[in-house]
PDB file of N, CA and C in Angstrom:
ATOM      1  N   MET A   1     190.116 -29.097 158.263  1.00  0.00           N
ATOM      2  CA  MET A   1     189.741 -28.552 156.984  1.00  0.00           C
ATOM      3  C   MET A   1     189.767 -29.437 155.858  1.00  0.00           C
ATOM      4  N   LYS A   2     189.094 -29.727 155.162  1.00  0.00           N
ATOM      5  CA  LYS A   2     189.119 -30.422 154.115  1.00  0.00           C
ATOM      6  C   LYS A   2     188.850 -30.010 153.048  1.00  0.00           C
ATOM      7  N   ASP A   3     188.403 -28.666 152.672  1.00  0.00           N
ATOM      8  CA  ASP A   3     188.028 -27.566 151.649  1.00  0.00           C
ATOM      9  C   ASP A   3     189.460 -26.907 151.385  1.00  0.00           C
ATOM     10  N   PRO A   4     190.006 -26.948 150.209  1.00  0.00           N
ATOM     11  CA  PRO A   4     191.531 -26.160 150.215  1.00  0.00           C
ATOM     12  C   PRO A   4     191.427 -24.988 150.546  1.00  0.00           C
ATOM     13  N   GLN A   5     190.039 -24.256 149.677  1.00  0.00           N
ATOM     14  CA  GLN A   5     189.981 -23.219 149.596  1.00  0.00           C
ATOM     15  C   GLN A   5     189.618 -22.373 151.199  1.00  0.00           C
ATOM     16  N   GLU A   6     188.907 -23.229 151.949  1.00  0.00           N
ATOM     17  CA  GLU A   6     188.535 -23.241 153.094  1.00  0.00           C
ATOM     18  C   GLU A   6     189.681 -22.974 153.984  1.00  0.00           C
ATOM     19  N   ALA A   7     190.748 -23.663 153.708  1.00  0.00           N
ATOM     20  CA  ALA A   7     191.934 -24.019 154.443  1.00  0.00           C
ATOM     21  C   ALA A   7     193.040 -22.485 154.099  1.00  0.00           C
ATOM     22  N   GLU A   8     192.961 -22.290 152.818  1.00  0.00           N
ATOM     23  CA  GLU A   8     193.704 -21.132 152.467  1.00  0.00           C
ATOM     24  C   GLU A   8     193.172 -20.014 152.838  1.00  0.00           C
ATOM     25  N   ALA A   9     191.833 -19.737 153.408  1.00  0.00           N
ATOM     26  CA  ALA A   9     191.254 -18.672 153.839  1.00  0.00           C
ATOM     27  C   ALA A   9     191.343 -18.484 155.023  1.00  0.00           C
ATOM     28  N   PHE A  10     191.610 -19.783 155.649  1.00  0.00           N
ATOM     29  CA  PHE A  10     191.940 -19.543 157.249  1.00  0.00           C
ATOM     30  C   PHE A  10     193.227 -19.310 157.747  1.00  0.00           C
ATOM     31  N   TYR A  11     194.237 -19.853 156.492  1.00  0.00           N
ATOM     32  CA  TYR A  11     195.642 -19.451 156.577  1.00  0.00           C
ATOM     33  C   TYR A  11     195.878 -17.803 156.572  1.00  0.00           C
ATOM     34  N   GLN A  12     195.124 -17.487 155.454  1.00  0.00           N
ATOM     35  CA  GLN A  12     195.461 -15.929 155.222  1.00  0.00           C
ATOM     36  C   GLN A  12     194.703 -15.015 156.500  1.00  0.00           C
ATOM     37  N   ARG A  13     193.830 -15.485 157.134  1.00  0.00           N
ATOM     38  CA  ARG A  13     193.159 -14.793 158.002  1.00  0.00           C
ATOM     39  C   ARG A  13     194.428 -14.659 159.584  1.00  0.00           C
ATOM     40  N   LEU A  14     194.869 -16.334 159.689  1.00  0.00           N
ATOM     41  CA  LEU A  14     195.886 -16.254 160.555  1.00  0.00           C
ATOM     42  C   LEU A  14     197.146 -15.211 160.192  1.00  0.00           C
ATOM     43  N   HIS A  15     197.618 -15.200 159.010  1.00  0.00           N
ATOM     44  CA  HIS A  15     198.763 -14.704 158.516  1.00  0.00           C
ATOM     45  C   HIS A  15     198.436 -13.134 159.119  1.00  0.00           C
ATOM     46  N   ASP A  16     197.577 -12.391 158.594  1.00  0.00           N
ATOM     47  CA  ASP A  16     197.306 -11.268 158.961  1.00  0.00           C
ATOM     48  C   ASP A  16     196.536 -10.711 160.276  1.00  0.00           C
ATOM     49  N   GLU A  17     196.422 -11.824 161.468  1.00  0.00           N
ATOM     50  CA  GLU A  17     196.201 -11.611 162.135  1.00  0.00           C
ATOM     51  C   GLU A  17     197.771 -11.541 163.221  1.00  0.00           C
ATOM     52  N   LEU A  18     198.444 -12.516 162.746  1.00  0.00           N
ATOM     53  CA  LEU A  18     199.857 -12.640 163.087  1.00  0.00           C
ATOM     54  C   LEU A  18     200.860 -11.417 162.894  1.00  0.00           C
ATOM     55  N   GLU A  19     200.379 -11.016 161.618  1.00  0.00           N
ATOM     56  CA  GLU A  19     201.415  -9.656 161.087  1.00  0.00           C
ATOM     57  C   GLU A  19     200.924  -8.152 161.968  1.00  0.00           C
ATOM     58  N   LYS A  20     199.838  -8.390 162.352  1.00  0.00           N
ATOM     59  CA  LYS A  20     198.783  -7.269 163.067  1.00  0.00           C
ATOM     60  C   LYS A  20     199.415  -6.832 164.234  1.00  0.00           C
ATOM     61  N   SER A  21     199.249  -8.468 165.133  1.00  0.00           N
ATOM     62  CA  SER A  21     199.376  -8.345 166.563  1.00  0.00           C
ATOM     63  C   SER A  21     200.669  -8.885 166.999  1.00  0.00           C
ATOM     64  N   THR A  22     201.889  -8.878 166.236  1.00  0.00           N
ATOM     65  CA  THR A  22     203.175  -9.241 167.128  1.00  0.00           C
ATOM     66  C   THR A  22     204.053  -8.893 166.041  1.00  0.00           C
ATOM     67  N   THR A  23     205.198  -8.754 166.596  1.00  0.00           N
ATOM     68  CA  THR A  23     206.642  -8.257 166.152  1.00  0.00           C
ATOM     69  C   THR A  23     207.612  -9.330 165.970  1.00  0.00           C
ATOM     70  N   TRP A  24     207.925  -9.239 164.898  1.00  0.00           N
ATOM     71  CA  TRP A  24     208.520 -10.668 164.350  1.00  0.00           C
ATOM     72  C   TRP A  24     210.326 -10.249 164.312  1.00  0.00           C
ATOM     73  N   PRO A  25     211.033 -11.564 165.022  1.00  0.00           N
ATOM     74  CA  PRO A  25     210.957 -13.112 165.170  1.00  0.00           C
ATOM     75  C   PRO A  25     210.232 -12.816 166.758  1.00  0.00           C
ATOM     76  N   SER A  26     209.356 -14.102 167.029  1.00  0.00           N
ATOM     77  CA  SER A  26     208.681 -14.064 168.414  1.00  0.00           C
ATOM     78  C   SER A  26     208.283 -15.488 168.585  1.00  0.00           C
ATOM     79  N   GLN A  27     208.306 -15.251 170.063  1.00  0.00           N
ATOM     80  CA  GLN A  27     207.571 -16.898 170.734  1.00  0.00           C
ATOM     81  C   GLN A  27     206.439 -17.101 170.225  1.00  0.00           C
ATOM     82  N   TYR A  28     206.205 -18.332 169.501  1.00  0.00           N
ATOM     83  CA  TYR A  28     204.821 -18.694 169.278  1.00  0.00           C
ATOM     84  C   TYR A  28     204.127 -20.213 170.001  1.00  0.00           C
ATOM     85  N   LEU A  29     203.387 -20.501 170.440  1.00  0.00           N
ATOM     86  CA  LEU A  29     202.924 -21.408 170.855  1.00  0.00           C
ATOM     87  C   LEU A  29     202.033 -22.394 169.930  1.00  0.00           C
ATOM     88  N   TYR A  30     202.301 -23.538 169.825  1.00  0.00           N
ATOM     89  CA  TYR A  30     201.760 -24.609 168.645  1.00  0.00           C
ATOM     90  C   TYR A  30     200.733 -25.558 169.865  1.00  0.00           C
ATOM     91  N   LYS A  31     199.472 -25.885 169.662  1.00  0.00           N
ATOM     92  CA  LYS A  31     198.794 -26.818 170.075  1.00  0.00           C
ATOM     93  C   LYS A  31     198.234 -27.858 169.340  1.00  0.00           C
ATOM     94  N   PHE A  32     198.562 -28.939 170.002  1.00  0.00           N
ATOM     95  CA  PHE A  32     197.981 -29.707 168.894  1.00  0.00           C
ATOM     96  C   PHE A  32     197.272 -31.269 169.703  1.00  0.00           C
ATOM     97  N   ILE A  33     196.665 -31.724 169.514  1.00  0.00           N
ATOM     98  CA  ILE A  33     195.963 -33.108 169.877  1.00  0.00           C
ATOM     99  C   ILE A  33     196.198 -33.972 169.361  1.00  0.00           C
ATOM    100  N   VAL A  34     196.718 -35.369 169.400  1.00  0.00           N
ATOM    101  CA  VAL A  34     196.991 -36.622 168.661  1.00  0.00           C
ATOM    102  C   VAL A  34     196.716 -38.150 169.317  1.00  0.00           C
ATOM    103  N   LYS A  35     196.193 -38.831 168.916  1.00  0.00           N
ATOM    104  CA  LYS A  35     196.308 -40.343 169.291  1.00  0.00           C
ATOM    105  C   LYS A  35     197.430 -40.239 169.797  1.00  0.00           C
ATOM    106  N   SER A  36     197.365 -41.114 171.252  1.00  0.00           N
ATOM    107  CA  SER A  36     198.555 -41.541 171.794  1.00  0.00           C
ATOM    108  C   SER A  36     199.276 -42.731 171.233  1.00  0.00           C
ATOM    109  N   GLU A  37     199.641 -42.413 169.906  1.00  0.00           N
ATOM    110  CA  GLU A  37     200.550 -43.226 169.283  1.00  0.00           C
ATOM    111  C   GLU A  37     202.049 -42.644 169.321  1.00  0.00           C
ATOM    112  N   GLU A  38     203.226 -43.419 169.872  1.00  0.00           N
ATOM    113  CA  GLU A  38     204.095 -42.782 169.598  1.00  0.00           C
ATOM    114  C   GLU A  38     204.583 -42.370 168.394  1.00  0.00           C
ATOM    115  N   GLY A  39     204.535 -42.981 167.317  1.00  0.00           N
ATOM    116  CA  GLY A  39     204.794 -42.667 166.061  1.00  0.00           C
ATOM    117  C   GLY A  39     204.658 -41.157 165.626  1.00  0.00           C
ATOM    118  N   LYS A  40     202.902 -41.052 165.696  1.00  0.00           N
ATOM    119  CA  LYS A  40     202.639 -39.602 165.748  1.00  0.00           C
ATOM    120  C   LYS A  40     203.274 -38.744 166.241  1.00  0.00           C
ATOM    121  N   MET A  41     203.226 -38.626 167.614  1.00  0.00           N
ATOM    122  CA  MET A  41     204.368 -37.756 168.402  1.00  0.00           C
ATOM    123  C   MET A  41     205.467 -37.627 167.833  1.00  0.00           C
ATOM    124  N   GLU A  42     206.148 -38.494 167.709  1.00  0.00           N
ATOM    125  CA  GLU A  42     207.769 -38.446 167.249  1.00  0.00           C
ATOM    126  C   GLU A  42     207.619 -37.749 165.702  1.00  0.00           C
ATOM    127  N   ALA A  43     206.757 -37.926 164.939  1.00  0.00           N
ATOM    128  CA  ALA A  43     206.375 -37.218 163.703  1.00  0.00           C
ATOM    129  C   ALA A  43     206.525 -35.796 163.695  1.00  0.00           C
ATOM    130  N   ILE A  44     205.650 -35.399 164.780  1.00  0.00           N
ATOM    131  CA  ILE A  44     205.424 -33.914 165.257  1.00  0.00           C
ATOM    132  C   ILE A  44     206.917 -33.312 165.692  1.00  0.00           C
ATOM    133  N   GLU A  45     207.261 -34.160 166.573  1.00  0.00           N
ATOM    134  CA  GLU A  45     208.650 -33.825 167.374  1.00  0.00           C
ATOM    135  C   GLU A  45     209.836 -33.611 166.451  1.00  0.00           C
ATOM    136  N   LYS A  46     209.822 -34.212 165.388  1.00  0.00           N
ATOM    137  CA  LYS A  46     211.011 -34.353 164.516  1.00  0.00           C
ATOM    138  C   LYS A  46     210.713 -32.973 163.407  1.00  0.00           C
ATOM    139  N   LEU A  47     209.827 -32.781 163.166  1.00  0.00           N
ATOM    140  CA  LEU A  47     209.017 -31.220 162.600  1.00  0.00           C
ATOM    141  C   LEU A  47     209.986 -29.812 163.439  1.00  0.00           C
ATOM    142  N   PHE A  48     209.873 -30.112 164.660  1.00  0.00           N
ATOM    143  CA  PHE A  48     210.663 -28.918 165.162  1.00  0.00           C
ATOM    144  C   PHE A  48     212.203 -29.459 165.708  1.00  0.00           C
ATOM    145  N   ASP A  49     212.827 -30.389 165.299  1.00  0.00           N
ATOM    146  CA  ASP A  49     214.038 -30.897 165.268  1.00  0.00           C
ATOM    147  C   ASP A  49     214.967 -29.671 165.146  1.00  0.00           C
ATOM    148  N   ASN A  50     216.032 -29.486 166.078  1.00  0.00           N
ATOM    149  CA  ASN A  50     216.895 -28.115 165.687  1.00  0.00           C
ATOM    150  C   ASN A  50     216.346 -26.646 165.851  1.00  0.00           C
ATOM    151  N   THR A  51     215.295 -26.434 166.506  1.00  0.00           N
ATOM    152  CA  THR A  51     214.657 -25.078 166.358  1.00  0.00           C
ATOM    153  C   THR A  51     214.620 -24.458 167.531  1.00  0.00           C
ATOM    154  N   GLY A  52     215.144 -25.295 168.622  1.00  0.00           N
ATOM    155  CA  GLY A  52     215.072 -24.820 170.138  1.00  0.00           C
ATOM    156  C   GLY A  52     213.628 -25.004 170.804  1.00  0.00           C
ATOM    157  N   ALA A  53     212.919 -25.673 170.419  1.00  0.00           N
ATOM    158  CA  ALA A  53     211.643 -25.839 170.748  1.00  0.00           C
ATOM    159  C   ALA A  53     211.337 -26.259 171.893  1.00  0.00           C
ATOM    160  N   VAL A  54     210.469 -26.004 172.887  1.00  0.00           N
ATOM    161  CA  VAL A  54     210.229 -26.477 174.166  1.00  0.00           C
ATOM    162  C   VAL A  54     208.884 -27.253 173.832  1.00  0.00           C
ATOM    163  N   ILE A  55     208.932 -28.469 173.908  1.00  0.00           N
ATOM    164  CA  ILE A  55     207.922 -29.406 173.711  1.00  0.00           C
ATOM    165  C   ILE A  55     207.217 -30.308 175.391  1.00  0.00           C
ATOM    166  N   ARG A  56     205.759 -30.012 175.282  1.00  0.00           N
ATOM    167  CA  ARG A  56     205.516 -30.308 176.143  1.00  0.00           C
ATOM    168  C   ARG A  56     204.303 -31.210 176.058  1.00  0.00           C
ATOM    169  N   LYS A  57     204.213 -32.736 176.935  1.00  0.00           N
ATOM    170  CA  LYS A  57     203.292 -33.814 176.531  1.00  0.00           C
ATOM    171  C   LYS A  57     202.487 -33.917 177.241  1.00  0.00           C
ATOM    172  N   LYS A  58     201.270 -33.823 177.479  1.00  0.00           N
ATOM    173  CA  LYS A  58     200.189 -34.348 178.573  1.00  0.00           C
ATOM    174  C   LYS A  58     198.912 -35.286 177.803  1.00  0.00           C
ATOM    175  N   ALA A  59     199.168 -36.738 178.549  1.00  0.00           N
ATOM    176  CA  ALA A  59     198.203 -37.475 178.131  1.00  0.00           C
ATOM    177  C   ALA A  59     196.679 -37.099 178.703  1.00  0.00           C
ATOM    178  N   SER A  60     195.451 -37.489 177.812  1.00  0.00           N
ATOM    179  CA  SER A  60     194.231 -37.248 178.609  1.00  0.00           C
ATOM    180  C   SER A  60     193.873 -38.468 179.736  1.00  0.00           C
ATOM    181  N   SER A  61     193.201 -38.283 180.732  1.00  0.00           N
ATOM    182  CA  SER A  61     192.795 -38.862 181.606  1.00  0.00           C
ATOM    183  C   SER A  61     192.634 -40.267 181.435  1.00  0.00           C
ATOM    184  N   GLY A  62     191.926 -40.653 180.010  1.00  0.00           N
ATOM    185  CA  GLY A  62     191.797 -42.037 179.689  1.00  0.00           C
ATOM    186  C   GLY A  62     193.116 -42.882 178.919  1.00  0.00           C
ATOM    187  N   GLY A  63     193.942 -41.662 178.600  1.00  0.00           N
ATOM    188  CA  GLY A  63     195.477 -42.154 178.184  1.00  0.00           C
ATOM    189  C   GLY A  63     195.187 -42.190 176.326  1.00  0.00           C
ATOM    190  N   LYS A  64     194.149 -42.394 175.952  1.00  0.00           N
ATOM    191  CA  LYS A  64     193.840 -42.289 174.428  1.00  0.00           C
ATOM    192  C   LYS A  64     194.542 -41.194 173.828  1.00  0.00           C
ATOM    193  N   TYR A  65     194.288 -40.065 174.285  1.00  0.00           N
ATOM    194  CA  TYR A  65     194.952 -38.781 173.216  1.00  0.00           C
ATOM    195  C   TYR A  65     196.146 -38.137 174.061  1.00  0.00           C
ATOM    196  N   THR A  66     196.897 -37.616 173.515  1.00  0.00           N
ATOM    197  CA  THR A  66     197.766 -36.782 173.696  1.00  0.00           C
ATOM    198  C   THR A  66     197.740 -34.934 173.259  1.00  0.00           C
ATOM    199  N   SER A  67     197.550 -34.245 174.641  1.00  0.00           N
ATOM    200  CA  SER A  67     198.012 -32.894 173.975  1.00  0.00           C
ATOM    201  C   SER A  67     199.239 -32.495 173.959  1.00  0.00           C
ATOM    202  N   VAL A  68     199.651 -31.889 172.842  1.00  0.00           N
ATOM    203  CA  VAL A  68     201.247 -31.712 172.706  1.00  0.00           C
ATOM    204  C   VAL A  68     201.275 -29.984 172.341  1.00  0.00           C
ATOM    205  N   SER A  69     202.080 -29.611 173.165  1.00  0.00           N
ATOM    206  CA  SER A  69     202.061 -27.928 173.307  1.00  0.00           C
ATOM    207  C   SER A  69     203.551 -27.606 172.903  1.00  0.00           C
ATOM    208  N   ILE A  70     203.873 -27.039 171.622  1.00  0.00           N
ATOM    209  CA  ILE A  70     205.393 -26.493 171.745  1.00  0.00           C
ATOM    210  C   ILE A  70     205.648 -24.832 171.377  1.00  0.00           C
ATOM    211  N   ASN A  71     206.215 -24.819 172.278  1.00  0.00           N
ATOM    212  CA  ASN A  71     207.063 -23.389 172.164  1.00  0.00           C
ATOM    213  C   ASN A  71     208.262 -23.218 171.639  1.00  0.00           C
ATOM    214  N   VAL A  72     208.147 -22.108 170.608  1.00  0.00           N
ATOM    215  CA  VAL A  72     209.311 -21.985 169.991  1.00  0.00           C
ATOM    216  C   VAL A  72     209.258 -20.633 169.127  1.00  0.00           C
ATOM    217  N   VAL A  73     210.388 -19.994 169.041  1.00  0.00           N
ATOM    218  CA  VAL A  73     210.756 -18.715 168.395  1.00  0.00           C
ATOM    219  C   VAL A  73     210.668 -18.923 166.896  1.00  0.00           C
ATOM    220  N   MET A  74     209.458 -18.405 166.032  1.00  0.00           N
ATOM    221  CA  MET A  74     209.704 -18.139 164.917  1.00  0.00           C
ATOM    222  C   MET A  74     209.809 -16.819 164.215  1.00  0.00           C
ATOM    223  N   ASP A  75     210.539 -16.872 162.937  1.00  0.00           N
ATOM    224  CA  ASP A  75     210.792 -15.697 162.424  1.00  0.00           C
ATOM    225  C   ASP A  75     209.581 -14.895 161.419  1.00  0.00           C
ATOM    226  N   SER A  76     208.464 -15.457 161.443  1.00  0.00           N
ATOM    227  CA  SER A  76     207.586 -14.747 160.797  1.00  0.00           C
ATOM    228  C   SER A  76     206.306 -15.523 160.734  1.00  0.00           C
ATOM    229  N   PRO A  77     205.231 -14.894 160.405  1.00  0.00           N
ATOM    230  CA  PRO A  77     203.736 -15.527 160.108  1.00  0.00           C
ATOM    231  C   PRO A  77     204.038 -16.622 159.238  1.00  0.00           C
ATOM    232  N   GLU A  78     204.557 -16.308 158.047  1.00  0.00           N
ATOM    233  CA  GLU A  78     204.830 -17.367 157.067  1.00  0.00           C
ATOM    234  C   GLU A  78     205.788 -18.666 157.537  1.00  0.00           C
ATOM    235  N   ALA A  79     206.584 -18.379 158.508  1.00  0.00           N
ATOM    236  CA  ALA A  79     207.103 -19.556 159.044  1.00  0.00           C
ATOM    237  C   ALA A  79     205.814 -20.258 160.207  1.00  0.00           C
ATOM    238  N   VAL A  80     205.436 -19.539 160.802  1.00  0.00           N
ATOM    239  CA  VAL A  80     204.334 -20.180 161.515  1.00  0.00           C
ATOM    240  C   VAL A  80     203.198 -21.022 160.514  1.00  0.00           C
ATOM    241  N   ILE A  81     202.695 -20.532 159.726  1.00  0.00           N
ATOM    242  CA  ILE A  81     202.117 -21.203 158.725  1.00  0.00           C
ATOM    243  C   ILE A  81     202.251 -22.374 157.931  1.00  0.00           C
ATOM    244  N   LEU A  82     203.670 -22.633 157.550  1.00  0.00           N
ATOM    245  CA  LEU A  82     204.401 -23.505 157.049  1.00  0.00           C
ATOM    246  C   LEU A  82     204.472 -24.766 158.152  1.00  0.00           C
ATOM    247  N   LYS A  83     204.786 -24.501 159.570  1.00  0.00           N
ATOM    248  CA  LYS A  83     204.890 -25.445 160.468  1.00  0.00           C
ATOM    249  C   LYS A  83     203.334 -26.179 160.527  1.00  0.00           C
ATOM    250  N   TYR A  84     202.400 -25.271 160.497  1.00  0.00           N
ATOM    251  CA  TYR A  84     201.090 -25.623 160.816  1.00  0.00           C
ATOM    252  C   TYR A  84     200.840 -26.767 159.341  1.00  0.00           C
ATOM    253  N   LYS A  85     201.338 -26.238 158.435  1.00  0.00           N
ATOM    254  CA  LYS A  85     200.689 -27.346 157.207  1.00  0.00           C
ATOM    255  C   LYS A  85     201.418 -28.359 157.184  1.00  0.00           C
ATOM    256  N   GLU A  86     202.831 -28.627 157.712  1.00  0.00           N
ATOM    257  CA  GLU A  86     203.756 -29.506 157.775  1.00  0.00           C
ATOM    258  C   GLU A  86     202.836 -30.613 158.727  1.00  0.00           C
ATOM    259  N   VAL A  87     202.570 -30.059 160.061  1.00  0.00           N
ATOM    260  CA  VAL A  87     201.812 -31.216 161.017  1.00  0.00           C
ATOM    261  C   VAL A  87     200.992 -31.300 160.403  1.00  0.00           C
ATOM    262  N   GLY A  88     200.065 -30.278 159.634  1.00  0.00           N
ATOM    263  CA  GLY A  88     198.696 -31.164 158.849  1.00  0.00           C
ATOM    264  C   GLY A  88     199.122 -32.367 158.395  1.00  0.00           C
ATOM    265  N   LYS A  89     199.981 -32.572 157.648  1.00  0.00           N
ATOM    266  CA  LYS A  89     200.123 -33.374 157.129  1.00  0.00           C
ATOM    267  C   LYS A  89     200.321 -35.064 157.577  1.00  0.00           C
ATOM    268  N   ILE A  90     200.231 -34.823 158.959  1.00  0.00           N
ATOM    269  CA  ILE A  90     200.377 -35.946 159.995  1.00  0.00           C
ATOM    270  C   ILE A  90     199.044 -36.566 160.198  1.00  0.00           C
ATOM    271  N   LYS A  91     198.553 -37.627 159.866  1.00  0.00           N
ATOM    272  CA  LYS A  91     197.324 -37.826 159.706  1.00  0.00           C
ATOM    273  C   LYS A  91     196.437 -38.170 161.200  1.00  0.00           C
ATOM    274  N   GLY A  92     195.406 -37.649 161.732  1.00  0.00           N
ATOM    275  CA  GLY A  92     195.048 -37.802 162.902  1.00  0.00           C
ATOM    276  C   GLY A  92     195.447 -36.745 163.920  1.00  0.00           C
ATOM    277  N   VAL A  93     196.226 -35.739 163.556  1.00  0.00           N
ATOM    278  CA  VAL A  93     196.663 -34.531 164.362  1.00  0.00           C
ATOM    279  C   VAL A  93     195.591 -33.371 164.385  1.00  0.00           C
ATOM    280  N   ILE A  94     195.068 -32.937 165.079  1.00  0.00           N
ATOM    281  CA  ILE A  94     194.431 -32.035 165.749  1.00  0.00           C
ATOM    282  C   ILE A  94     195.093 -30.408 165.943  1.00  0.00           C
ATOM    283  N   SER A  95     194.832 -29.343 165.129  1.00  0.00           N
ATOM    284  CA  SER A  95     195.517 -28.182 165.752  1.00  0.00           C
ATOM    285  C   SER A  95     194.550 -27.432 166.151  1.00  0.00           C
ATOM    286  N   LEU A  96     195.245 -26.592 167.064  1.00  0.00           N
ATOM    287  CA  LEU A  96     194.311 -26.093 168.041  1.00  0.00           C
ATOM    288  C   LEU A  96     194.791 -24.650 167.921  1.00  0.00           C
TER     289      LEU A  96
END
């Protein structure tokens, strides 16, 4: 999302859905696709240091991309969105 207004609207919808559908704190599953470059994966992992997150990585069949799944207990919808925004600062990461 390149348009800041579009991004904020997306995050507001996500916040509203998480608020309605989940009791907090709760487990949350993040999924990202990233080029299989160690620096990018390490940057994502570092954002979840000391959170108790379980991180699973799976390379694509050609090995060019890696799927990163992160299961972690989050305190609130705001905390979930904050992590998405932090990961979004890493160039080339696709959030699912």
